[in-house]
C-alpha atoms as a PDB file:
ATOM      1  CA  MET A   1     -13.192   1.275   0.198  1.00  0.00           C
ATOM      2  CA  LYS A   2     -12.881  -1.086  -2.461  1.00  0.00           C
ATOM      3  CA  VAL A   3     -10.750   0.444  -5.128  1.00  0.00           C
ATOM      4  CA  GLU A   4     -10.351  -1.924  -8.548  1.00  0.00           C
ATOM      5  CA  LEU A   5      -6.624  -1.322 -10.458  1.00  0.00           C
ATOM      6  CA  VAL A   6      -6.280  -2.794 -13.688  1.00  0.00           C
ATOM      7  CA  ILE A   7      -2.418  -4.205 -13.864  1.00  0.00           C
ATOM      8  CA  ASP A   8      -0.992  -1.969 -17.134  1.00  0.00           C
ATOM      9  CA  ARG A   9       2.413  -2.968 -17.833  1.00  0.00           C
ATOM     10  CA  PHE A  10       4.774  -4.615 -15.636  1.00  0.00           C
ATOM     11  CA  GLU A  11       8.569  -2.599 -15.208  1.00  0.00           C
ATOM     12  CA  GLY A  12      11.446  -5.768 -14.656  1.00  0.00           C
ATOM     13  CA  ALA A  13      10.513  -5.760 -10.616  1.00  0.00           C
ATOM     14  CA  ARG A  14       7.285  -3.865 -10.169  1.00  0.00           C
ATOM     15  CA  ALA A  15       3.530  -3.724 -12.047  1.00  0.00           C
ATOM     16  CA  VAL A  16       1.973  -0.264 -13.203  1.00  0.00           C
ATOM     17  CA  LEU A  17      -0.936  -0.705 -11.919  1.00  0.00           C
ATOM     18  CA  LEU A  18      -3.984   2.511 -12.977  1.00  0.00           C
ATOM     19  CA  CYS A  19      -7.165   3.600 -10.870  1.00  0.00           C
ATOM     20  CA  ASP A  20     -10.008   2.732 -12.568  1.00  0.00           C
ATOM     21  CA  ALA A  21     -11.751   5.807 -10.771  1.00  0.00           C
ATOM     22  CA  ASP A  22      -9.368   8.243 -11.317  1.00  0.00           C
ATOM     23  CA  GLY A  23      -6.571   6.996 -13.726  1.00  0.00           C
ATOM     24  CA  SER A  24      -4.292   8.055 -10.767  1.00  0.00           C
ATOM     25  CA  VAL A  25      -1.085   5.173 -10.950  1.00  0.00           C
ATOM     26  CA  ILE A  26       1.192   2.906  -9.092  1.00  0.00           C
ATOM     27  CA  ASN A  27       4.010   0.888  -9.429  1.00  0.00           C
ATOM     28  CA  TRP A  28       3.269  -1.740  -7.332  1.00  0.00           C
ATOM     29  CA  PRO A  29       5.868  -5.354  -6.499  1.00  0.00           C
ATOM     30  CA  LYS A  30       5.174  -8.059  -8.756  1.00  0.00           C
ATOM     31  CA  GLU A  31       6.157 -10.620  -5.859  1.00  0.00           C
ATOM     32  CA  MET A  32       3.087  -9.199  -4.381  1.00  0.00           C
ATOM     33  CA  LEU A  33       0.873 -10.369  -7.595  1.00  0.00           C
ATOM     34  CA  PRO A  34      -1.009 -12.856  -7.768  1.00  0.00           C
ATOM     35  CA  GLU A  35       0.677 -15.180  -9.327  1.00  0.00           C
ATOM     36  CA  ASP A  36      -1.006 -15.267 -12.521  1.00  0.00           C
ATOM     37  CA  ALA A  37      -1.592 -12.454 -13.161  1.00  0.00           C
ATOM     38  CA  ARG A  38      -0.712 -10.598 -16.260  1.00  0.00           C
ATOM     39  CA  GLU A  39      -1.905  -7.122 -18.589  1.00  0.00           C
ATOM     40  CA  GLY A  40      -4.817  -6.407 -18.793  1.00  0.00           C
ATOM     41  CA  ASP A  41      -6.199  -7.746 -14.978  1.00  0.00           C
ATOM     42  CA  VAL A  42      -8.514  -6.061 -13.113  1.00  0.00           C
ATOM     43  CA  LEU A  43      -7.691  -6.520  -9.492  1.00  0.00           C
ATOM     44  CA  ALA A  44      -9.617  -5.939  -6.236  1.00  0.00           C
ATOM     45  CA  ILE A  45      -8.234  -4.185  -3.306  1.00  0.00           C
ATOM     46  CA  THR A  46     -10.322  -3.065  -0.095  1.00  0.00           C
ATOM     47  CA  ILE A  47      -8.324  -0.166   1.757  1.00  0.00           C
ATOM     48  CA  LYS A  48      -9.784   0.413   5.943  1.00  0.00           C
ATOM     49  CA  LYS A  49      -7.957   1.250   8.296  1.00  0.00           C
ATOM     50  CA  ASP A  50      -6.504   0.076  10.978  1.00  0.00           C
ATOM     51  CA  ARG A  51      -7.246   1.346  13.875  1.00  0.00           C
ATOM     52  CA  LYS A  52      -5.165  -1.060  16.575  1.00  0.00           C
ATOM     53  CA  ALA A  53      -1.432  -1.294  13.872  1.00  0.00           C
ATOM     54  CA  THR A  54      -2.634   3.104  14.238  1.00  0.00           C
ATOM     55  CA  GLU A  55      -2.732   3.059  17.804  1.00  0.00           C
ATOM     56  CA  LYS A  56       0.111   1.120  18.391  1.00  0.00           C
ATOM     57  CA  ALA A  57       1.998   3.171  16.447  1.00  0.00           C
ATOM     58  CA  LEU A  58       1.039   6.209  18.264  1.00  0.00           C
ATOM     59  CA  ALA A  59       2.131   5.032  21.570  1.00  0.00           C
ATOM     60  CA  ALA A  60       5.448   4.025  20.096  1.00  0.00           C
ATOM     61  CA  THR A  61       6.585   7.245  18.878  1.00  0.00           C
ATOM     62  CA  GLU A  62       5.546   8.245  22.197  1.00  0.00           C
ATOM     63  CA  LYS A  63       7.755   6.174  24.038  1.00  0.00           C
ATOM     64  CA  LEU A  64      10.224   7.473  21.534  1.00  0.00           C
ATOM     65  CA  LEU A  65       9.708  10.583  21.535  1.00  0.00           C
ATOM     66  CA  ARG A  66       9.647  10.952  26.335  1.00  0.00           C
ATOM     67  CA  GLU A  67      13.038   9.183  25.347  1.00  0.00           C
ATOM     68  CA  LEU A  68      14.433  11.865  23.311  1.00  0.00           C
ATOM     69  CA  LEU A  69      13.139  14.207  25.657  1.00  0.00           C
ATOM     70  CA  GLN A  70      14.700  13.097  28.156  1.00  0.00           C
ATOM     71  CA  GLN A  71      17.861  12.299  27.396  1.00  0.00           C
ATOM     72  CA  ALA A  72      17.874  16.073  26.409  1.00  0.00           C
END
């Protein structure tokens, strides 16, 4: 899924991004933007599910739960 965001303004170390699709607001770390990013720039972000990271997080959570239940 591709999402377009507009840099509305900068507030300290944060950028306020507006989503064109529904007008929602995202506060984003300024340091995670391209160096030449300016107010009014349109950013294209691709969002995808990371299946491997999801499986890894689930396995870590299950392991922690097993360890906690063994201690109880």
